[in-house]
Amino acid sequence: MSDQAQRSRSLREIELEVEAEGREWTRRRLEERLQQEADRDGKVFPPQRAKSPASSDRMDGAKHGRRGT
């Protein structure tokens, strides 16, 4: 075994590792549940943004000398 594998880890290192595993498990579980709901409702997950038609009279910041911040 390498020195790294034999070295005992601190309680903080173990805590951080377990918390990261828990967050990943929770994220996957949430994704599964949301997908189940979307499948049940016949909707797409993740939701798609609605495409709005471009407006010809829209105020365009670049056209009017304004820059986005």
C-alpha atoms as a PDB file:
ATOM      1  CA  MET A   1       0.000   0.000   0.000  1.00  0.00           C
ATOM      2  CA  SER A   2       1.145   3.557  -0.622  1.00  0.00           C
ATOM      3  CA  ASP A   3       1.858   6.000   2.193  1.00  0.00           C
ATOM      4  CA  GLN A   4      -1.216   8.011   1.177  1.00  0.00           C
ATOM      5  CA  ALA A   5      -3.507   4.978   1.511  1.00  0.00           C
ATOM      6  CA  GLN A   6      -2.016   4.023   4.892  1.00  0.00           C
ATOM      7  CA  ARG A   7      -2.238   7.539   6.345  1.00  0.00           C
ATOM      8  CA  SER A   8      -5.188   7.903   8.662  1.00  0.00           C
ATOM      9  CA  ARG A   9      -7.526  10.673   7.619  1.00  0.00           C
ATOM     10  CA  SER A  10      -8.791  13.367   9.924  1.00  0.00           C
ATOM     11  CA  LEU A  11     -12.400  13.385  10.993  1.00  0.00           C
ATOM     12  CA  ARG A  12     -12.835  16.606   8.998  1.00  0.00           C
ATOM     13  CA  GLU A  13     -11.580  14.937   5.796  1.00  0.00           C
ATOM     14  CA  ILE A  14     -13.986  12.042   6.311  1.00  0.00           C
ATOM     15  CA  GLU A  15     -16.832  14.459   7.068  1.00  0.00           C
ATOM     16  CA  LEU A  16     -16.189  16.450   3.876  1.00  0.00           C
ATOM     17  CA  GLU A  17     -16.051  13.279   1.784  1.00  0.00           C
ATOM     18  CA  VAL A  18     -19.316  11.937   3.205  1.00  0.00           C
ATOM     19  CA  GLU A  19     -21.051  15.308   2.785  1.00  0.00           C
ATOM     20  CA  ALA A  20     -19.978  15.432  -0.878  1.00  0.00           C
ATOM     21  CA  GLU A  21     -21.305  11.906  -1.413  1.00  0.00           C
ATOM     22  CA  GLY A  22     -24.566  12.919   0.239  1.00  0.00           C
ATOM     23  CA  ARG A  23     -24.954  15.987  -1.972  1.00  0.00           C
ATOM     24  CA  GLU A  24     -24.353  13.914  -5.094  1.00  0.00           C
ATOM     25  CA  TRP A  25     -26.862  11.259  -3.949  1.00  0.00           C
ATOM     26  CA  THR A  26     -29.426  13.967  -3.209  1.00  0.00           C
ATOM     27  CA  ARG A  27     -28.855  15.640  -6.593  1.00  0.00           C
ATOM     28  CA  ARG A  28     -29.350  12.339  -8.437  1.00  0.00           C
ATOM     29  CA  ARG A  29     -32.427  11.456  -6.410  1.00  0.00           C
ATOM     30  CA  LEU A  30     -33.966  14.857  -7.066  1.00  0.00           C
ATOM     31  CA  GLU A  31     -33.250  14.527 -10.783  1.00  0.00           C
ATOM     32  CA  GLU A  32     -34.916  11.092 -10.815  1.00  0.00           C
ATOM     33  CA  ARG A  33     -37.999  12.352  -8.977  1.00  0.00           C
ATOM     34  CA  LEU A  34     -38.344  15.388 -11.212  1.00  0.00           C
ATOM     35  CA  GLN A  35     -37.985  13.205 -14.294  1.00  0.00           C
ATOM     36  CA  GLN A  36     -40.691  10.860 -12.974  1.00  0.00           C
ATOM     37  CA  GLU A  37     -43.034  13.815 -12.535  1.00  0.00           C
ATOM     38  CA  ALA A  38     -42.208  15.136 -15.993  1.00  0.00           C
ATOM     39  CA  ASP A  39     -42.831  11.689 -17.503  1.00  0.00           C
ATOM     40  CA  ARG A  40     -46.123  11.410 -15.642  1.00  0.00           C
ATOM     41  CA  ASP A  41     -47.249  14.813 -16.891  1.00  0.00           C
ATOM     42  CA  GLY A  42     -45.858  14.226 -20.378  1.00  0.00           C
ATOM     43  CA  LYS A  43     -43.550  17.226 -20.142  1.00  0.00           C
ATOM     44  CA  VAL A  44     -39.865  17.618 -20.914  1.00  0.00           C
ATOM     45  CA  PHE A  45     -37.264  17.751 -18.146  1.00  0.00           C
ATOM     46  CA  PRO A  46     -35.311  19.899 -17.876  1.00  0.00           C
ATOM     47  CA  PRO A  47     -37.837  22.433 -19.110  1.00  0.00           C
ATOM     48  CA  GLN A  48     -37.134  24.053 -22.461  1.00  0.00           C
ATOM     49  CA  ARG A  49     -37.253  27.836 -22.666  1.00  0.00           C
ATOM     50  CA  ALA A  50     -40.090  29.136 -24.751  1.00  0.00           C
ATOM     51  CA  LYS A  51     -38.781  30.823 -27.867  1.00  0.00           C
ATOM     52  CA  SER A  52     -40.359  34.217 -28.273  1.00  0.00           C
ATOM     53  CA  PRO A  53     -40.670  35.728 -31.726  1.00  0.00           C
ATOM     54  CA  ALA A  54     -38.194  38.539 -32.404  1.00  0.00           C
ATOM     55  CA  SER A  55     -39.840  41.916 -32.332  1.00  0.00           C
ATOM     56  CA  SER A  56     -38.887  44.376 -35.066  1.00  0.00           C
ATOM     57  CA  ASP A  57     -39.668  47.381 -32.859  1.00  0.00           C
ATOM     58  CA  ARG A  58     -37.698  46.088 -29.868  1.00  0.00           C
ATOM     59  CA  MET A  59     -35.417  48.601 -28.183  1.00  0.00           C
ATOM     60  CA  ASP A  60     -31.932  47.347 -28.939  1.00  0.00           C
ATOM     61  CA  GLY A  61     -29.311  48.713 -26.523  1.00  0.00           C
ATOM     62  CA  ALA A  62     -26.479  48.523 -29.076  1.00  0.00           C
ATOM     63  CA  LYS A  63     -28.599  50.281 -31.674  1.00  0.00           C
ATOM     64  CA  HIS A  64     -29.224  53.161 -29.268  1.00  0.00           C
ATOM     65  CA  GLY A  65     -25.639  53.512 -28.029  1.00  0.00           C
ATOM     66  CA  ARG A  66     -26.112  51.610 -24.742  1.00  0.00           C
ATOM     67  CA  ARG A  67     -23.885  48.803 -23.666  1.00  0.00           C
ATOM     68  CA  GLY A  68     -24.964  45.930 -21.442  1.00  0.00           C
ATOM     69  CA  THR A  69     -23.501  45.773 -17.951  1.00  0.00           C
END
